Amino acid sequence: MFKKILIANRGEIAVRIIRACREMGILTVAVCSEADKEALHAQLADETICIGPAPAKDSYLNMESIISATLVSGAEAIHPGFGFLSENSKFVKMCNQCNITFIGPSADTIDKMGNKSEARNTMMKAGVPVVPGTKEPVYDAETGERLAQEIGYPIMIKASAGGGGKGMRIAESKEEFKEKFETAQKEAEKGFGDNTMYLERYVKNPRHIEIQILADQQGNTIYLGERDCSIQRRHQKMIEEAPSCAIDETLRKQMGESAVKASKTVGYYSAGTIEFLMDENNQFYFMEMNTRIQVEHPVTEMITGIDLIKEQIKIAAGESLNIKQEDVQIHGHAIECRINAEDPSKNFMPCPGTVEYIHFPGGKGIRVDSALYAGCQIPPYYDSMVAKLIVHDETRELAIKKMRSALGELIVQGVNTNLDYQYEILKDEDYVRGNVDTGFIEKFQKRLEEQESQ
């Protein structure tokens, strides 16, 4: 087992990893930008190294600085968390060259699954259900228009190197296609430095269901049930649940086995997630694979009792999984709300600033993952998510009630947050009934606006 791990991240996920390492008796090295010198993760780690100026490109995305910090500190491994360098195969190769263990999958696997069009083709060959779409990369609108005609409208235009909702547009008809394609392609080139696109038939009103897998380097792979991530705004998730109220044991097994097949096809090891779209007829289609820990991993931990960060570390150290598929049991229901420093009344504009006062809720089945404390600064340079509130109870109905109570108790003063907005969602009749899909927020927003205008 590793004696010392460097965490190449910040915020709540860095704090989460530090805590897991502490419990395992592993020393930790935090890296921080100049803006994060007083951040909680920088204070909790055994050592902290400043790796550059505030902008992420000069610090948390600076591969050379992070590798240097690892070598100077004597850390044997790097945990990348999520975002930043967590799915960067070049960084993994740099780690390998310097005899540093990357806590995650191989560079080859990241490459295979990181390119969305290549991943689709790999899944088709493996017999995993895939939404009808292009098999080859698309580089121009004219070719795309011809292929879209064959696939059938509406069409989802996607960046091959995309993620986080960037480089994506929906074309409802041939008349819209050229403009939407070129807009998405420009966005992809700007955001990812890659103008490769692909097309999929747009699945209307789907649920976004993802399967958590764990795989060791000896070839053992298991699935840990599903998460329903349908509550999202502009393809960014807001509320996640486990299990999904739309899935029964039979469908769970089918999706789980498809996820295992998908991960085995690419020789995957570590924690990972296979994301599916599920239509109104419960047909599911592979969407993408996330080759890292997910923001929403706590809901899976709450219903299975398995610590995913510790498992990642053990797998990276070469240990075999000590959990078999038959050992995985799902208990109760868990919900996670992402708490962002933003103003929902101003189109969710980010709201950096100083936290003047904070109170976290507590009690049985309530967990808060956060790097906030009274007096801390929320810098303007990074993602606006500042906390994750997670609850667990015996049923979905009880979990919703517990989450309402916990949201009502959580106080953050000094910056605007989406706390009240999340509370309104938890009271919404469609949400309570489980009548949700990826278009939920747009419909919910309209209902809110109608109420305010009355």
Protein backbone atom coordinates (compact mmCIF):
# COMPACT_ATOMS: atom_id res chain seq x y z
CA MET A 1 0.00 0.00 0.00
CA PHE A 2 1.11 3.56 -0.70
CA LYS A 3 2.72 5.52 2.14
CA LYS A 4 1.99 8.94 0.62
CA ILE A 5 -0.49 10.19 -2.00
CA LEU A 6 -0.65 13.58 -3.71
CA ILE A 7 -4.15 14.89 -4.45
CA ALA A 8 -4.20 16.79 -7.76
CA ASN A 9 -7.45 18.62 -7.06
CA ARG A 10 -9.15 21.11 -4.79
CA GLY A 11 -12.45 21.75 -2.96
CA GLU A 12 -14.71 19.11 -1.50
CA ILE A 13 -13.30 16.18 -3.53
CA ALA A 14 -9.76 16.91 -2.30
CA VAL A 15 -11.07 16.98 1.29
CA ARG A 16 -12.97 13.72 0.65
CA ILE A 17 -9.81 11.98 -0.61
CA ILE A 18 -7.70 13.31 2.30
CA ARG A 19 -10.20 11.84 4.78
CA ALA A 20 -10.13 8.42 3.09
CA CYS A 21 -6.31 8.44 3.11
CA ARG A 22 -6.23 9.36 6.80
CA GLU A 23 -8.47 6.41 7.63
CA MET A 24 -6.15 4.14 5.63
CA GLY A 25 -3.04 5.49 7.39
CA ILE A 26 -1.72 7.13 4.23
CA LEU A 27 0.04 10.52 4.34
CA THR A 28 -1.35 13.20 1.99
CA VAL A 29 0.09 16.04 -0.07
CA ALA A 30 -2.26 18.80 -1.18
CA VAL A 31 -1.54 21.08 -4.10
CA CYS A 32 -3.03 24.55 -4.21
CA SER A 33 -3.10 27.62 -6.38
CA GLU A 34 -2.21 31.02 -4.94
CA ALA A 35 -5.97 31.65 -4.57
CA ASP A 36 -6.38 28.48 -2.49
CA LYS A 37 -3.62 28.86 0.08
CA GLU A 38 -6.18 29.12 2.90
CA ALA A 39 -8.54 26.51 1.41
CA LEU A 40 -9.65 23.62 3.63
CA HIS A 41 -7.88 20.92 1.61
CA ALA A 42 -4.63 22.88 1.90
CA GLN A 43 -5.05 23.00 5.68
CA LEU A 44 -6.07 19.36 6.21
CA ALA A 45 -3.30 17.62 4.25
CA ASP A 46 -0.04 16.55 5.88
CA GLU A 47 1.88 18.71 3.38
CA THR A 48 0.79 21.46 1.00
CA ILE A 49 2.63 22.71 -2.08
CA CYS A 50 1.60 25.82 -4.02
CA ILE A 51 1.77 24.99 -7.72
CA GLY A 52 1.02 28.30 -9.43
CA PRO A 53 -1.23 31.34 -9.94
CA ALA A 54 -5.02 31.28 -9.51
CA PRO A 55 -6.16 30.38 -13.07
CA ALA A 56 -6.57 26.60 -13.39
CA LYS A 57 -4.40 26.48 -16.53
CA ASP A 58 -1.47 27.79 -14.47
CA SER A 59 -2.05 25.54 -11.44
CA TYR A 60 -4.46 22.60 -11.31
CA LEU A 61 -4.00 21.94 -15.04
CA ASN A 62 -0.23 22.50 -14.95
CA MET A 63 1.02 18.93 -15.40
CA GLU A 64 4.71 19.74 -14.97
CA SER A 65 4.10 21.56 -11.66
CA ILE A 66 2.01 18.70 -10.29
CA ILE A 67 4.57 16.05 -11.32
CA SER A 68 7.36 18.16 -9.77
CA ALA A 69 5.37 18.53 -6.53
CA THR A 70 4.86 14.76 -6.41
CA LEU A 71 8.57 14.01 -6.90
CA VAL A 72 9.70 16.68 -4.40
CA SER A 73 7.25 15.41 -1.73
CA GLY A 74 8.14 11.75 -2.25
CA ALA A 75 4.52 10.77 -2.91
CA GLU A 76 4.22 7.46 -4.77
CA ALA A 77 0.79 8.06 -6.28
CA ILE A 78 -1.53 10.81 -7.52
CA HIS A 79 -5.29 10.84 -7.01
CA PRO A 80 -6.80 13.21 -9.60
CA GLY A 81 -10.37 13.42 -8.19
CA PHE A 82 -12.77 14.54 -10.92
CA GLY A 83 -12.40 17.29 -13.52
CA PHE A 84 -9.00 18.93 -14.14
CA LEU A 85 -6.55 16.14 -15.14
CA SER A 86 -8.67 13.14 -14.13
CA GLU A 87 -9.29 12.02 -17.72
CA ASN A 88 -6.12 13.32 -19.35
CA SER A 89 -4.17 10.44 -20.90
CA LYS A 90 -1.10 12.62 -21.49
CA PHE A 91 -0.91 13.24 -17.74
CA VAL A 92 -1.22 9.49 -17.03
CA LYS A 93 1.68 8.81 -19.42
CA MET A 94 3.77 11.48 -17.65
CA CYS A 95 3.04 9.77 -14.32
CA ASN A 96 4.12 6.41 -15.75
CA GLN A 97 7.38 7.91 -17.09
CA CYS A 98 8.17 9.27 -13.62
CA ASN A 99 7.27 5.98 -11.80
CA ILE A 100 4.26 7.63 -10.16
CA THR A 101 1.07 5.56 -9.85
CA PHE A 102 -1.97 7.27 -11.32
CA ILE A 103 -5.04 6.33 -9.25
CA GLY A 104 -7.33 5.58 -12.14
CA PRO A 105 -7.35 3.58 -15.37
CA SER A 106 -4.59 3.29 -17.99
CA ALA A 107 -3.88 6.02 -20.54
CA ASP A 108 -4.95 3.64 -23.31
CA THR A 109 -8.37 3.09 -21.70
CA ILE A 110 -8.88 6.82 -21.17
CA ASP A 111 -8.11 7.39 -24.85
CA LYS A 112 -10.51 4.65 -25.94
CA MET A 113 -13.40 5.93 -23.83
CA GLY A 114 -12.57 9.66 -23.87
CA ASN A 115 -13.24 10.03 -27.57
CA LYS A 116 -17.02 9.75 -27.66
CA SER A 117 -17.33 8.50 -31.26
CA GLU A 118 -14.62 5.85 -30.76
CA ALA A 119 -16.31 4.78 -27.51
CA ARG A 120 -19.62 4.35 -29.37
CA ASN A 121 -17.98 2.12 -31.96
CA THR A 122 -16.26 0.06 -29.26
CA MET A 123 -19.59 -0.46 -27.48
CA MET A 124 -21.35 -1.47 -30.71
CA LYS A 125 -18.70 -4.14 -31.31
CA ALA A 126 -19.16 -5.34 -27.71
CA GLY A 127 -22.94 -5.71 -28.18
CA VAL A 128 -23.83 -2.92 -25.75
CA PRO A 129 -26.99 -1.02 -26.90
CA VAL A 130 -26.09 2.32 -28.52
CA VAL A 131 -28.31 5.16 -29.79
CA PRO A 132 -28.39 5.07 -33.64
CA GLY A 133 -25.78 7.47 -35.01
CA THR A 134 -22.61 7.97 -37.05
CA LYS A 135 -19.80 5.43 -37.00
CA GLU A 136 -17.13 7.74 -38.42
CA PRO A 137 -16.06 11.23 -37.29
CA VAL A 138 -17.86 14.17 -38.93
CA TYR A 139 -15.88 17.30 -39.80
CA ASP A 140 -18.22 19.41 -41.93
CA ALA A 141 -21.88 20.41 -41.99
CA GLU A 142 -22.53 19.11 -45.52
CA THR A 143 -21.45 15.55 -44.64
CA GLY A 144 -23.31 15.82 -41.33
CA GLU A 145 -26.52 16.94 -43.06
CA ARG A 146 -26.44 13.92 -45.40
CA LEU A 147 -25.83 11.50 -42.50
CA ALA A 148 -28.51 13.18 -40.34
CA GLN A 149 -31.02 12.52 -43.11
CA GLU A 150 -30.16 8.79 -42.95
CA ILE A 151 -30.31 8.61 -39.11
CA GLY A 152 -33.53 10.63 -38.83
CA TYR A 153 -34.41 13.84 -36.99
CA PRO A 154 -34.25 15.13 -34.29
CA ILE A 155 -30.44 14.87 -34.22
CA MET A 156 -28.04 15.41 -31.32
CA ILE A 157 -24.80 16.99 -32.54
CA LYS A 158 -21.91 16.22 -30.19
CA ALA A 159 -18.20 16.97 -29.87
CA SER A 160 -16.12 13.78 -29.89
CA ALA A 161 -13.85 15.20 -27.19
CA GLY A 162 -16.77 16.80 -25.35
CA GLY A 163 -18.11 16.79 -21.84
CA GLY A 164 -20.04 18.96 -19.40
CA GLY A 165 -22.61 19.88 -22.05
CA LYS A 166 -20.13 21.76 -24.25
CA GLY A 167 -20.13 21.27 -28.02
CA MET A 168 -23.68 19.88 -28.02
CA ARG A 169 -26.72 21.06 -29.97
CA ILE A 170 -30.08 19.55 -31.00
CA ALA A 171 -31.24 20.00 -34.60
CA GLU A 172 -34.97 19.36 -35.00
CA SER A 173 -34.92 19.56 -38.81
CA LYS A 174 -32.73 19.84 -41.91
CA GLU A 175 -33.30 23.62 -41.95
CA GLU A 176 -31.68 23.99 -38.51
CA PHE A 177 -28.83 21.54 -39.03
CA LYS A 178 -26.07 23.66 -40.63
CA GLU A 179 -26.25 26.50 -38.11
CA LYS A 180 -26.46 24.16 -35.10
CA PHE A 181 -23.59 21.99 -36.37
CA GLU A 182 -21.26 24.94 -36.96
CA THR A 183 -22.08 26.50 -33.58
CA ALA A 184 -21.38 23.22 -31.75
CA GLN A 185 -18.17 22.66 -33.73
CA LYS A 186 -16.84 26.15 -32.91
CA GLU A 187 -17.65 25.58 -29.24
CA ALA A 188 -15.83 22.21 -29.35
CA GLU A 189 -12.76 23.71 -30.99
CA LYS A 190 -12.63 26.51 -28.42
CA GLY A 191 -13.32 24.26 -25.40
CA PHE A 192 -11.35 21.11 -26.32
CA GLY A 193 -9.04 22.10 -29.18
CA ASP A 194 -10.73 19.43 -31.31
CA ASN A 195 -13.36 20.00 -34.03
CA THR A 196 -14.25 16.32 -34.49
CA MET A 197 -18.02 15.82 -34.23
CA TYR A 198 -20.45 12.92 -34.28
CA LEU A 199 -24.23 12.60 -34.60
CA GLU A 200 -26.84 10.62 -32.68
CA ARG A 201 -30.57 10.37 -32.96
CA TYR A 202 -31.95 12.55 -30.16
CA VAL A 203 -33.82 10.46 -27.60
CA LYS A 204 -36.73 12.60 -26.37
CA ASN A 205 -37.61 12.76 -22.67
CA PRO A 206 -35.06 10.17 -21.53
CA ARG A 207 -33.90 9.42 -18.03
CA HIS A 208 -30.17 9.70 -17.44
CA ILE A 209 -29.17 6.47 -15.69
CA GLU A 210 -25.59 5.60 -14.80
CA ILE A 211 -24.11 2.38 -13.49
CA GLN A 212 -21.20 2.48 -11.02
CA ILE A 213 -18.58 -0.18 -11.61
CA LEU A 214 -15.46 -1.29 -9.77
CA ALA A 215 -12.78 -3.29 -11.56
CA ASP A 216 -9.38 -4.52 -10.36
CA GLN A 217 -6.22 -5.15 -12.35
CA GLN A 218 -6.78 -8.91 -12.14
CA GLY A 219 -9.88 -8.73 -14.36
CA ASN A 220 -12.62 -8.82 -11.69
CA THR A 221 -15.46 -6.36 -12.39
CA ILE A 222 -18.67 -5.69 -10.44
CA TYR A 223 -21.52 -3.18 -10.67
CA LEU A 224 -22.92 -1.31 -7.66
CA GLY A 225 -26.41 -0.51 -8.86
CA GLU A 226 -27.54 2.64 -10.64
CA ARG A 227 -27.91 6.37 -10.07
CA ASP A 228 -30.69 8.45 -11.60
CA CYS A 229 -29.18 11.75 -12.73
CA SER A 230 -32.12 13.07 -14.74
CA ILE A 231 -32.42 16.37 -12.82
CA GLN A 232 -29.97 18.51 -14.76
CA ARG A 233 -29.67 21.97 -16.23
CA ARG A 234 -27.82 22.45 -19.51
CA HIS A 235 -26.49 18.89 -19.20
CA GLN A 236 -25.05 19.66 -15.73
CA LYS A 237 -26.47 17.42 -13.02
CA MET A 238 -28.17 19.04 -10.01
CA ILE A 239 -29.79 16.21 -8.03
CA GLU A 240 -28.85 12.53 -8.11
CA GLU A 241 -30.56 9.51 -6.57
CA ALA A 242 -29.80 5.86 -5.96
CA PRO A 243 -31.50 3.62 -6.77
CA SER A 244 -33.76 4.90 -9.59
CA CYS A 245 -37.50 4.63 -8.92
CA ALA A 246 -37.95 3.70 -12.62
CA ILE A 247 -35.83 0.54 -12.49
CA ASP A 248 -36.71 -2.92 -11.19
CA GLU A 249 -34.36 -5.80 -10.34
CA THR A 250 -34.55 -7.32 -13.84
CA LEU A 251 -33.66 -4.06 -15.60
CA ARG A 252 -30.96 -3.30 -13.01
CA LYS A 253 -29.33 -6.65 -13.75
CA GLN A 254 -29.51 -6.06 -17.53
CA MET A 255 -27.98 -2.59 -17.26
CA GLY A 256 -25.39 -3.73 -14.73
CA GLU A 257 -24.28 -6.63 -16.90
CA SER A 258 -24.08 -4.33 -19.94
CA ALA A 259 -21.89 -1.94 -17.92
CA VAL A 260 -19.59 -4.79 -16.86
CA LYS A 261 -19.36 -5.98 -20.48
CA ALA A 262 -18.53 -2.43 -21.60
CA SER A 263 -15.74 -2.01 -19.03
CA LYS A 264 -14.24 -5.45 -19.67
CA THR A 265 -14.17 -4.74 -23.43
CA VAL A 266 -11.68 -1.90 -22.89
CA GLY A 267 -9.70 -3.60 -20.11
CA TYR A 268 -10.92 -1.09 -17.55
CA TYR A 269 -9.73 -1.01 -13.94
CA SER A 270 -10.49 1.45 -11.08
CA ALA A 271 -13.87 3.00 -10.24
CA GLY A 272 -15.81 4.06 -13.34
CA THR A 273 -19.27 4.89 -14.56
CA ILE A 274 -21.17 3.77 -17.63
CA GLU A 275 -23.83 6.35 -18.52
CA PHE A 276 -27.04 5.34 -20.29
CA LEU A 277 -30.06 7.14 -21.69
CA MET A 278 -33.31 5.29 -20.98
CA ASP A 279 -36.41 6.06 -23.04
CA GLU A 280 -40.07 5.94 -22.04
CA ASN A 281 -40.21 2.23 -22.98
CA ASN A 282 -37.30 1.36 -20.68
CA GLN A 283 -34.97 0.81 -23.65
CA PHE A 284 -31.49 1.89 -22.60
CA TYR A 285 -28.60 3.09 -24.75
CA PHE A 286 -24.91 3.63 -23.98
CA MET A 287 -24.06 7.32 -23.85
CA GLU A 288 -20.50 7.53 -22.50
CA MET A 289 -18.08 6.22 -19.91
CA ASN A 290 -16.59 8.38 -17.17
CA THR A 291 -13.13 7.02 -16.42
CA ARG A 292 -12.91 8.62 -12.95
CA ILE A 293 -14.76 9.03 -9.68
CA GLN A 294 -18.04 10.94 -10.13
CA VAL A 295 -19.32 13.98 -8.23
CA GLU A 296 -22.36 11.89 -7.25
CA HIS A 297 -20.46 8.84 -5.93
CA PRO A 298 -21.71 9.37 -2.33
CA VAL A 299 -25.27 8.18 -3.10
CA THR A 300 -23.86 4.81 -4.18
CA GLU A 301 -21.73 4.67 -1.03
CA MET A 302 -24.83 5.37 1.10
CA ILE A 303 -26.90 2.52 -0.37
CA THR A 304 -24.10 -0.09 -0.62
CA GLY A 305 -21.83 0.77 2.32
CA ILE A 306 -18.80 0.59 -0.02
CA ASP A 307 -16.18 3.37 0.14
CA LEU A 308 -15.37 4.05 -3.52
CA ILE A 309 -12.31 6.23 -2.88
CA LYS A 310 -10.69 3.57 -0.70
CA GLU A 311 -11.47 0.94 -3.33
CA GLN A 312 -9.85 3.12 -6.02
CA ILE A 313 -6.70 3.42 -3.92
CA LYS A 314 -6.55 -0.32 -3.20
CA ILE A 315 -7.04 -1.18 -6.88
CA ALA A 316 -4.27 1.25 -7.91
CA ALA A 317 -1.97 -0.43 -5.37
CA GLY A 318 -2.59 -3.74 -7.17
CA GLU A 319 -4.99 -5.33 -4.67
CA SER A 320 -7.79 -7.61 -5.87
CA LEU A 321 -11.40 -6.71 -5.17
CA ASN A 322 -12.59 -8.41 -1.99
CA ILE A 323 -16.24 -7.79 -2.96
CA LYS A 324 -18.05 -10.20 -5.25
CA GLN A 325 -21.19 -9.34 -7.22
CA GLU A 326 -23.35 -11.41 -4.88
CA ASP A 327 -22.00 -9.39 -1.92
CA VAL A 328 -23.44 -6.13 -3.31
CA GLN A 329 -26.67 -5.30 -1.50
CA ILE A 330 -28.77 -2.17 -2.00
CA HIS A 331 -30.22 -0.73 1.21
CA GLY A 332 -32.77 2.09 1.21
CA HIS A 333 -32.64 5.26 -0.88
CA ALA A 334 -30.12 8.11 -1.13
CA ILE A 335 -30.37 11.60 -2.66
CA GLU A 336 -27.64 14.16 -3.34
CA CYS A 337 -28.16 17.89 -3.91
CA ARG A 338 -25.29 19.89 -5.39
CA ILE A 339 -25.01 23.20 -3.57
CA ASN A 340 -23.56 25.89 -5.84
CA ALA A 341 -22.50 29.46 -5.12
CA GLU A 342 -24.76 30.96 -7.77
CA ASP A 343 -27.86 33.11 -8.17
CA PRO A 344 -30.77 31.19 -9.78
CA SER A 345 -32.69 34.47 -10.24
CA LYS A 346 -29.89 35.79 -12.48
CA ASN A 347 -29.65 32.78 -14.79
CA PHE A 348 -27.55 30.89 -12.21
CA MET A 349 -24.75 33.44 -12.36
CA PRO A 350 -21.74 32.29 -10.22
CA CYS A 351 -21.39 34.19 -6.92
CA PRO A 352 -17.84 34.06 -5.55
CA GLY A 353 -17.08 35.84 -2.29
CA THR A 354 -16.46 35.33 1.43
CA VAL A 355 -18.53 32.90 3.49
CA GLU A 356 -19.46 34.90 6.59
CA TYR A 357 -21.34 32.17 8.46
CA ILE A 358 -22.14 28.52 7.80
CA HIS A 359 -24.17 25.85 9.52
CA PHE A 360 -24.28 22.26 8.26
CA PRO A 361 -27.21 19.96 9.10
CA GLY A 362 -26.63 16.73 11.00
CA GLY A 363 -28.41 13.62 12.21
CA LYS A 364 -28.83 10.01 11.17
CA GLY A 365 -28.39 9.45 7.46
CA ILE A 366 -27.19 13.00 6.66
CA ARG A 367 -23.78 13.67 5.09
CA VAL A 368 -22.20 16.89 3.87
CA ASP A 369 -19.16 16.83 1.57
CA SER A 370 -17.76 20.36 1.49
CA ALA A 371 -14.64 22.49 1.79
CA LEU A 372 -16.52 25.49 3.21
CA TYR A 373 -15.89 27.09 6.60
CA ALA A 374 -16.77 30.49 8.10
CA GLY A 375 -14.40 33.09 6.70
CA CYS A 376 -13.27 31.06 3.71
CA GLN A 377 -13.04 32.57 0.24
CA ILE A 378 -14.91 31.14 -2.75
CA PRO A 379 -12.65 32.19 -5.63
CA PRO A 380 -14.08 33.15 -9.05
CA TYR A 381 -11.69 30.92 -11.00
CA TYR A 382 -13.21 27.47 -10.53
CA ASP A 383 -16.46 25.53 -10.61
CA SER A 384 -19.24 27.05 -8.50
CA MET A 385 -20.09 23.83 -6.62
CA VAL A 386 -19.20 24.36 -2.95
CA ALA A 387 -20.96 21.49 -1.15
CA LYS A 388 -22.86 18.26 -1.64
CA LEU A 389 -25.70 17.44 0.71
CA ILE A 390 -26.47 13.72 0.82
CA VAL A 391 -29.24 11.94 2.72
CA HIS A 392 -30.16 8.28 3.18
CA ASP A 393 -33.34 6.66 4.45
CA GLU A 394 -35.38 3.47 4.08
CA THR A 395 -37.57 4.67 1.18
CA ARG A 396 -37.52 7.39 -1.48
CA GLU A 397 -40.44 9.14 0.22
CA LEU A 398 -38.58 9.27 3.54
CA ALA A 399 -35.35 10.37 1.83
CA ILE A 400 -37.18 13.29 0.17
CA LYS A 401 -38.58 14.39 3.54
CA LYS A 402 -35.13 14.11 5.11
CA MET A 403 -33.55 16.14 2.31
CA ARG A 404 -36.16 18.90 2.70
CA SER A 405 -35.37 19.03 6.42
CA ALA A 406 -31.60 19.07 5.79
CA LEU A 407 -31.85 21.80 3.12
CA GLY A 408 -33.92 23.86 5.55
CA GLU A 409 -31.19 23.55 8.17
CA LEU A 410 -28.21 24.29 5.90
CA ILE A 411 -27.21 27.97 6.20
CA VAL A 412 -24.62 29.74 4.05
CA GLN A 413 -24.30 33.51 4.57
CA GLY A 414 -22.16 35.93 2.58
CA VAL A 415 -22.72 34.42 -0.88
CA ASN A 416 -25.80 33.48 -2.88
CA THR A 417 -26.52 29.78 -3.33
CA ASN A 418 -29.06 27.54 -5.05
CA LEU A 419 -30.32 26.20 -1.69
CA ASP A 420 -33.85 27.60 -2.02
CA TYR A 421 -34.06 26.47 -5.64
CA GLN A 422 -33.16 22.90 -4.62
CA TYR A 423 -35.77 23.04 -1.85
CA GLU A 424 -38.46 24.05 -4.38
CA ILE A 425 -37.54 21.07 -6.58
CA LEU A 426 -37.87 18.71 -3.60
CA LYS A 427 -41.44 20.01 -3.07
CA ASP A 428 -42.46 19.73 -6.74
CA GLU A 429 -45.28 17.23 -7.34
CA ASP A 430 -43.70 15.71 -10.45
CA TYR A 431 -40.41 15.23 -8.63
CA VAL A 432 -42.12 13.67 -5.60
CA ARG A 433 -43.99 11.25 -7.88
CA GLY A 434 -40.75 10.33 -9.66
CA ASN A 435 -42.10 11.75 -12.90
CA VAL A 436 -38.74 13.09 -14.12
CA ASP A 437 -36.58 13.12 -17.24
CA THR A 438 -33.68 15.21 -18.51
CA GLY A 439 -36.12 17.98 -19.52
CA PHE A 440 -37.48 18.30 -15.97
CA ILE A 441 -35.72 21.58 -15.07
CA GLU A 442 -37.03 23.44 -18.14
CA LYS A 443 -40.61 22.44 -17.24
CA PHE A 444 -40.02 23.18 -13.55
CA GLN A 445 -38.59 26.62 -14.40
CA LYS A 446 -41.70 27.46 -16.45
CA ARG A 447 -43.96 26.46 -13.55
CA LEU A 448 -41.95 28.67 -11.17
CA GLU A 449 -42.18 31.65 -13.54
CA GLU A 450 -45.93 31.15 -13.97
CA GLN A 451 -46.40 31.08 -10.18
CA GLU A 452 -44.37 34.28 -9.76
CA SER A 453 -46.39 36.11 -12.46
CA GLN A 454 -49.75 35.26 -10.85
